[in-house]
């Protein structure tokens, strides 16, 4: 079975990597080492389980949820500083 990926798929993949990098940077800004490690492990697990998804609508949905979670985390960290 040969898969065909369009431009939109590769744009979504690029957006996914951008979000991943942003989330990792956010995790490294945490002061508590255990929390940092737990968050990085959670982040890696989430990306690994979603790695083989090819449905563009599902990818868009997951990226939207990830963006919301990152924004919430940023707001929470801004409050605690």
C-alpha atoms as a PDB file:
ATOM      1  CA  UNK A   1       0.000   0.000   0.000  1.00  0.00           C
ATOM      2  CA  UNK A   2       1.538   3.268  -1.099  1.00  0.00           C
ATOM      3  CA  UNK A   3       0.582   6.349   0.882  1.00  0.00           C
ATOM      4  CA  UNK A   4       0.208   9.739  -0.713  1.00  0.00           C
ATOM      5  CA  UNK A   5       0.904  12.759   1.410  1.00  0.00           C
ATOM      6  CA  UNK A   6      -0.092  16.205   0.285  1.00  0.00           C
ATOM      7  CA  UNK A   7       1.293  19.605   1.101  1.00  0.00           C
ATOM      8  CA  UNK A   8      -1.161  20.031   3.968  1.00  0.00           C
ATOM      9  CA  UNK A   9       0.189  16.901   5.680  1.00  0.00           C
ATOM     10  CA  UNK A  10       3.735  18.247   5.617  1.00  0.00           C
ATOM     11  CA  UNK A  11       2.606  21.654   6.879  1.00  0.00           C
ATOM     12  CA  UNK A  12       0.818  19.929   9.768  1.00  0.00           C
ATOM     13  CA  UNK A  13       3.944  17.902  10.472  1.00  0.00           C
ATOM     14  CA  UNK A  14       5.997  21.098  10.557  1.00  0.00           C
ATOM     15  CA  UNK A  15       3.480  22.712  12.922  1.00  0.00           C
ATOM     16  CA  UNK A  16       3.666  19.640  15.126  1.00  0.00           C
ATOM     17  CA  UNK A  17       7.435  19.942  15.411  1.00  0.00           C
ATOM     18  CA  UNK A  18       7.165  23.657  16.197  1.00  0.00           C
ATOM     19  CA  UNK A  19       4.665  22.917  18.981  1.00  0.00           C
ATOM     20  CA  UNK A  20       6.870  20.130  20.312  1.00  0.00           C
ATOM     21  CA  UNK A  21       9.883  22.427  20.533  1.00  0.00           C
ATOM     22  CA  UNK A  22       7.801  25.109  22.223  1.00  0.00           C
ATOM     23  CA  UNK A  23       6.490  22.610  24.783  1.00  0.00           C
ATOM     24  CA  UNK A  24      10.002  21.297  25.505  1.00  0.00           C
ATOM     25  CA  UNK A  25      11.272  24.843  26.076  1.00  0.00           C
ATOM     26  CA  UNK A  26       8.364  25.458  28.400  1.00  0.00           C
ATOM     27  CA  UNK A  27       9.176  22.288  30.334  1.00  0.00           C
ATOM     28  CA  UNK A  28      12.782  23.357  30.743  1.00  0.00           C
ATOM     29  CA  UNK A  29      11.600  26.620  32.287  1.00  0.00           C
ATOM     30  CA  UNK A  30      10.133  24.665  35.218  1.00  0.00           C
ATOM     31  CA  UNK A  31      12.154  24.922  38.394  1.00  0.00           C
ATOM     32  CA  UNK A  32      11.254  21.596  40.032  1.00  0.00           C
ATOM     33  CA  UNK A  33      13.378  18.846  38.467  1.00  0.00           C
ATOM     34  CA  UNK A  34      10.841  16.060  39.103  1.00  0.00           C
ATOM     35  CA  UNK A  35       8.018  18.070  37.539  1.00  0.00           C
ATOM     36  CA  UNK A  36      10.239  18.898  34.576  1.00  0.00           C
ATOM     37  CA  UNK A  37      11.100  15.230  34.043  1.00  0.00           C
ATOM     38  CA  UNK A  38       7.465  14.152  34.387  1.00  0.00           C
ATOM     39  CA  UNK A  39       6.289  16.766  31.893  1.00  0.00           C
ATOM     40  CA  UNK A  40       8.985  15.844  29.365  1.00  0.00           C
ATOM     41  CA  UNK A  41       8.123  12.168  29.721  1.00  0.00           C
ATOM     42  CA  UNK A  42       4.409  12.916  29.266  1.00  0.00           C
ATOM     43  CA  UNK A  43       5.122  15.087  26.232  1.00  0.00           C
ATOM     44  CA  UNK A  44       7.276  12.428  24.594  1.00  0.00           C
ATOM     45  CA  UNK A  45       4.664   9.748  25.280  1.00  0.00           C
ATOM     46  CA  UNK A  46       1.887  11.854  23.723  1.00  0.00           C
ATOM     47  CA  UNK A  47       3.906  12.487  20.582  1.00  0.00           C
ATOM     48  CA  UNK A  48       4.991   8.855  20.295  1.00  0.00           C
ATOM     49  CA  UNK A  49       1.407   7.574  20.528  1.00  0.00           C
ATOM     50  CA  UNK A  50       0.273  10.046  17.866  1.00  0.00           C
ATOM     51  CA  UNK A  51       3.240   9.507  15.581  1.00  0.00           C
ATOM     52  CA  UNK A  52       1.550   7.263  13.000  1.00  0.00           C
ATOM     53  CA  UNK A  53      -1.703   9.183  12.628  1.00  0.00           C
ATOM     54  CA  UNK A  54      -2.238  10.118   8.992  1.00  0.00           C
ATOM     55  CA  UNK A  55      -5.758  11.565   9.060  1.00  0.00           C
ATOM     56  CA  UNK A  56      -5.316  15.314   8.547  1.00  0.00           C
ATOM     57  CA  UNK A  57      -8.495  16.214  10.452  1.00  0.00           C
ATOM     58  CA  UNK A  58      -7.378  14.222  13.478  1.00  0.00           C
ATOM     59  CA  UNK A  59      -3.907  15.793  13.320  1.00  0.00           C
ATOM     60  CA  UNK A  60      -5.483  19.274  13.195  1.00  0.00           C
ATOM     61  CA  UNK A  61      -7.631  18.409  16.199  1.00  0.00           C
ATOM     62  CA  UNK A  62      -4.657  17.111  18.190  1.00  0.00           C
ATOM     63  CA  UNK A  63      -2.570  20.158  17.314  1.00  0.00           C
ATOM     64  CA  UNK A  64      -5.405  22.446  18.415  1.00  0.00           C
ATOM     65  CA  UNK A  65      -5.618  20.651  21.750  1.00  0.00           C
ATOM     66  CA  UNK A  66      -1.853  20.796  22.179  1.00  0.00           C
ATOM     67  CA  UNK A  67      -1.865  24.549  21.462  1.00  0.00           C
ATOM     68  CA  UNK A  68      -4.576  25.088  24.112  1.00  0.00           C
ATOM     69  CA  UNK A  69      -2.645  23.059  26.697  1.00  0.00           C
ATOM     70  CA  UNK A  70       0.582  24.941  25.996  1.00  0.00           C
ATOM     71  CA  UNK A  71      -1.185  28.303  26.294  1.00  0.00           C
ATOM     72  CA  UNK A  72      -2.785  27.229  29.579  1.00  0.00           C
ATOM     73  CA  UNK A  73       0.585  26.098  30.890  1.00  0.00           C
ATOM     74  CA  UNK A  74       2.173  29.408  29.862  1.00  0.00           C
ATOM     75  CA  UNK A  75      -0.560  31.359  31.655  1.00  0.00           C
ATOM     76  CA  UNK A  76      -0.128  29.228  34.771  1.00  0.00           C
ATOM     77  CA  UNK A  77       3.626  29.746  34.774  1.00  0.00           C
ATOM     78  CA  UNK A  78       3.207  33.500  34.308  1.00  0.00           C
ATOM     79  CA  UNK A  79       0.949  33.609  37.369  1.00  0.00           C
ATOM     80  CA  UNK A  80       3.446  31.702  39.536  1.00  0.00           C
ATOM     81  CA  UNK A  81       6.452  33.869  38.623  1.00  0.00           C
END
